[in-house]
Amino acid sequence: MAAETAVFATLGLVGFVAVVIAVVSGSVPAGSKDDPLADLGRSPMVRYVSSGQLAADVRTGGAMVHYFFEADGPVVTNVIECPPTQTNPAMPTNTATVGPKA
């Protein structure tokens, strides 16, 4: 069971690294065959990270997760608390001080 988990975790990590390499390779401008990393500073990915847009998107994603897992309030807005229950709801009818009716 642990070996299977390790294999799947490794495959997931290798897949993630492959996607990152593909994105970085795709963001390098064409025509830079002498030094492919020289124009990396002008790539869209570097501008995305350095401009702060990545940080803003991470904050937005965090706010979305917080919104989805936030507890909902009551459905109605005029919720009234229940009144306290009566301790003796029935009126006693038999009393010892009353005499018979004649």
C-alpha atoms as a PDB file:
ATOM      1  CA  MET A   1       0.000   0.000   0.000  1.00  0.00           C
ATOM      2  CA  ALA A   2       2.804   2.442   0.880  1.00  0.00           C
ATOM      3  CA  ALA A   3       4.777   1.495  -2.216  1.00  0.00           C
ATOM      4  CA  GLU A   4       1.751   2.101  -4.409  1.00  0.00           C
ATOM      5  CA  THR A   5       1.246   5.529  -2.827  1.00  0.00           C
ATOM      6  CA  ALA A   6       4.910   6.381  -3.372  1.00  0.00           C
ATOM      7  CA  VAL A   7       4.701   5.365  -7.039  1.00  0.00           C
ATOM      8  CA  PHE A   8       1.615   7.493  -7.649  1.00  0.00           C
ATOM      9  CA  ALA A   9       3.117  10.455  -5.794  1.00  0.00           C
ATOM     10  CA  THR A  10       6.276  10.189  -7.885  1.00  0.00           C
ATOM     11  CA  LEU A  11       4.274   9.987 -11.108  1.00  0.00           C
ATOM     12  CA  GLY A  12       2.256  13.032 -10.077  1.00  0.00           C
ATOM     13  CA  LEU A  13       5.407  14.999  -9.288  1.00  0.00           C
ATOM     14  CA  VAL A  14       7.021  14.009 -12.603  1.00  0.00           C
ATOM     15  CA  GLY A  15       3.852  15.038 -14.455  1.00  0.00           C
ATOM     16  CA  PHE A  16       3.792  18.406 -12.665  1.00  0.00           C
ATOM     17  CA  VAL A  17       7.455  19.043 -13.506  1.00  0.00           C
ATOM     18  CA  ALA A  18       6.768  18.154 -17.156  1.00  0.00           C
ATOM     19  CA  VAL A  19       3.918  20.666 -17.296  1.00  0.00           C
ATOM     20  CA  VAL A  20       6.096  23.393 -15.732  1.00  0.00           C
ATOM     21  CA  ILE A  21       8.897  22.704 -18.237  1.00  0.00           C
ATOM     22  CA  ALA A  22       6.412  22.821 -21.118  1.00  0.00           C
ATOM     23  CA  VAL A  23       4.979  26.155 -19.938  1.00  0.00           C
ATOM     24  CA  VAL A  24       8.421  27.712 -19.510  1.00  0.00           C
ATOM     25  CA  SER A  25       9.573  26.359 -22.874  1.00  0.00           C
ATOM     26  CA  GLY A  26       6.473  27.734 -24.536  1.00  0.00           C
ATOM     27  CA  SER A  27       6.990  31.171 -23.029  1.00  0.00           C
ATOM     28  CA  VAL A  28      10.516  31.620 -24.447  1.00  0.00           C
ATOM     29  CA  PRO A  29      10.246  33.875 -27.510  1.00  0.00           C
ATOM     30  CA  ALA A  30      11.133  32.402 -30.889  1.00  0.00           C
ATOM     31  CA  GLY A  31      14.397  33.284 -32.643  1.00  0.00           C
ATOM     32  CA  SER A  32      16.652  33.068 -29.610  1.00  0.00           C
ATOM     33  CA  LYS A  33      18.672  30.051 -30.701  1.00  0.00           C
ATOM     34  CA  ASP A  34      22.082  31.356 -29.529  1.00  0.00           C
ATOM     35  CA  ASP A  35      21.072  31.892 -25.919  1.00  0.00           C
ATOM     36  CA  PRO A  36      17.535  30.648 -25.320  1.00  0.00           C
ATOM     37  CA  LEU A  37      17.430  32.006 -21.771  1.00  0.00           C
ATOM     38  CA  ALA A  38      18.589  35.522 -22.707  1.00  0.00           C
ATOM     39  CA  ASP A  39      15.094  36.656 -23.644  1.00  0.00           C
ATOM     40  CA  LEU A  40      13.454  34.880 -20.720  1.00  0.00           C
ATOM     41  CA  GLY A  41      13.116  38.201 -18.901  1.00  0.00           C
ATOM     42  CA  ARG A  42      10.683  39.385 -21.577  1.00  0.00           C
ATOM     43  CA  SER A  43       8.569  36.236 -21.492  1.00  0.00           C
ATOM     44  CA  PRO A  44       4.923  36.458 -20.464  1.00  0.00           C
ATOM     45  CA  MET A  45       5.413  34.096 -17.515  1.00  0.00           C
ATOM     46  CA  VAL A  46       8.153  36.249 -15.972  1.00  0.00           C
ATOM     47  CA  ARG A  47       6.042  39.381 -16.432  1.00  0.00           C
ATOM     48  CA  TYR A  48       3.046  37.572 -14.895  1.00  0.00           C
ATOM     49  CA  VAL A  49       5.023  36.746 -11.759  1.00  0.00           C
ATOM     50  CA  SER A  50       7.016  39.984 -11.468  1.00  0.00           C
ATOM     51  CA  SER A  51       4.005  42.270 -11.995  1.00  0.00           C
ATOM     52  CA  GLY A  52       2.237  40.826  -8.968  1.00  0.00           C
ATOM     53  CA  GLN A  53      -0.621  39.340 -10.944  1.00  0.00           C
ATOM     54  CA  LEU A  54       0.269  35.860  -9.688  1.00  0.00           C
ATOM     55  CA  ALA A  55      -0.013  37.040  -6.073  1.00  0.00           C
ATOM     56  CA  ALA A  56      -3.382  38.660  -6.829  1.00  0.00           C
ATOM     57  CA  ASP A  57      -4.647  35.454  -8.436  1.00  0.00           C
ATOM     58  CA  VAL A  58      -3.510  33.411  -5.429  1.00  0.00           C
ATOM     59  CA  ARG A  59      -5.384  35.813  -3.106  1.00  0.00           C
ATOM     60  CA  THR A  60      -8.488  35.499  -5.281  1.00  0.00           C
ATOM     61  CA  GLY A  61      -8.263  31.702  -5.180  1.00  0.00           C
ATOM     62  CA  GLY A  62      -7.908  31.772  -1.401  1.00  0.00           C
ATOM     63  CA  ALA A  63     -10.961  34.009  -1.098  1.00  0.00           C
ATOM     64  CA  MET A  64     -12.932  31.604  -3.299  1.00  0.00           C
ATOM     65  CA  VAL A  65     -11.960  28.631  -1.128  1.00  0.00           C
ATOM     66  CA  HIS A  66     -12.902  30.598   2.004  1.00  0.00           C
ATOM     67  CA  TYR A  67     -16.277  31.511   0.462  1.00  0.00           C
ATOM     68  CA  PHE A  68     -17.067  27.920  -0.499  1.00  0.00           C
ATOM     69  CA  PHE A  69     -16.275  26.529   2.948  1.00  0.00           C
ATOM     70  CA  GLU A  70     -17.854  29.359   4.937  1.00  0.00           C
ATOM     71  CA  ALA A  71     -20.885  28.380   7.016  1.00  0.00           C
ATOM     72  CA  ASP A  72     -24.161  29.821   5.797  1.00  0.00           C
ATOM     73  CA  GLY A  73     -26.285  31.940   8.087  1.00  0.00           C
ATOM     74  CA  PRO A  74     -29.988  31.406   8.689  1.00  0.00           C
ATOM     75  CA  VAL A  75     -32.149  31.391   5.573  1.00  0.00           C
ATOM     76  CA  VAL A  76     -34.715  33.856   6.965  1.00  0.00           C
ATOM     77  CA  THR A  77     -33.665  37.241   8.279  1.00  0.00           C
ATOM     78  CA  ASN A  78     -36.365  37.704  10.919  1.00  0.00           C
ATOM     79  CA  VAL A  79     -35.547  34.721  13.094  1.00  0.00           C
ATOM     80  CA  ILE A  80     -37.261  34.945  16.489  1.00  0.00           C
ATOM     81  CA  GLU A  81     -35.919  33.073  19.450  1.00  0.00           C
ATOM     82  CA  CYS A  82     -38.329  30.506  20.909  1.00  0.00           C
ATOM     83  CA  PRO A  83     -40.124  31.695  24.046  1.00  0.00           C
ATOM     84  CA  PRO A  84     -39.374  29.790  27.244  1.00  0.00           C
ATOM     85  CA  THR A  85     -41.592  26.767  27.801  1.00  0.00           C
ATOM     86  CA  GLN A  86     -44.202  26.880  30.563  1.00  0.00           C
ATOM     87  CA  THR A  87     -43.446  24.845  33.638  1.00  0.00           C
ATOM     88  CA  ASN A  88     -47.107  24.185  34.481  1.00  0.00           C
ATOM     89  CA  PRO A  89     -49.168  24.414  31.274  1.00  0.00           C
ATOM     90  CA  ALA A  90     -52.423  23.002  32.746  1.00  0.00           C
ATOM     91  CA  MET A  91     -54.369  24.980  35.336  1.00  0.00           C
ATOM     92  CA  PRO A  92     -55.140  22.896  38.418  1.00  0.00           C
ATOM     93  CA  THR A  93     -58.910  22.510  38.851  1.00  0.00           C
ATOM     94  CA  ASN A  94     -59.104  20.569  42.095  1.00  0.00           C
ATOM     95  CA  THR A  95     -58.525  22.737  45.125  1.00  0.00           C
ATOM     96  CA  ALA A  96     -59.050  21.700  48.746  1.00  0.00           C
ATOM     97  CA  THR A  97     -60.374  25.055  49.960  1.00  0.00           C
ATOM     98  CA  VAL A  98     -63.491  25.140  47.804  1.00  0.00           C
ATOM     99  CA  GLY A  99     -66.637  23.540  49.191  1.00  0.00           C
ATOM    100  CA  PRO A 100     -69.287  21.589  47.338  1.00  0.00           C
ATOM    101  CA  LYS A 101     -71.820  23.424  45.214  1.00  0.00           C
ATOM    102  CA  ALA A 102     -75.352  23.334  46.626  1.00  0.00           C
END
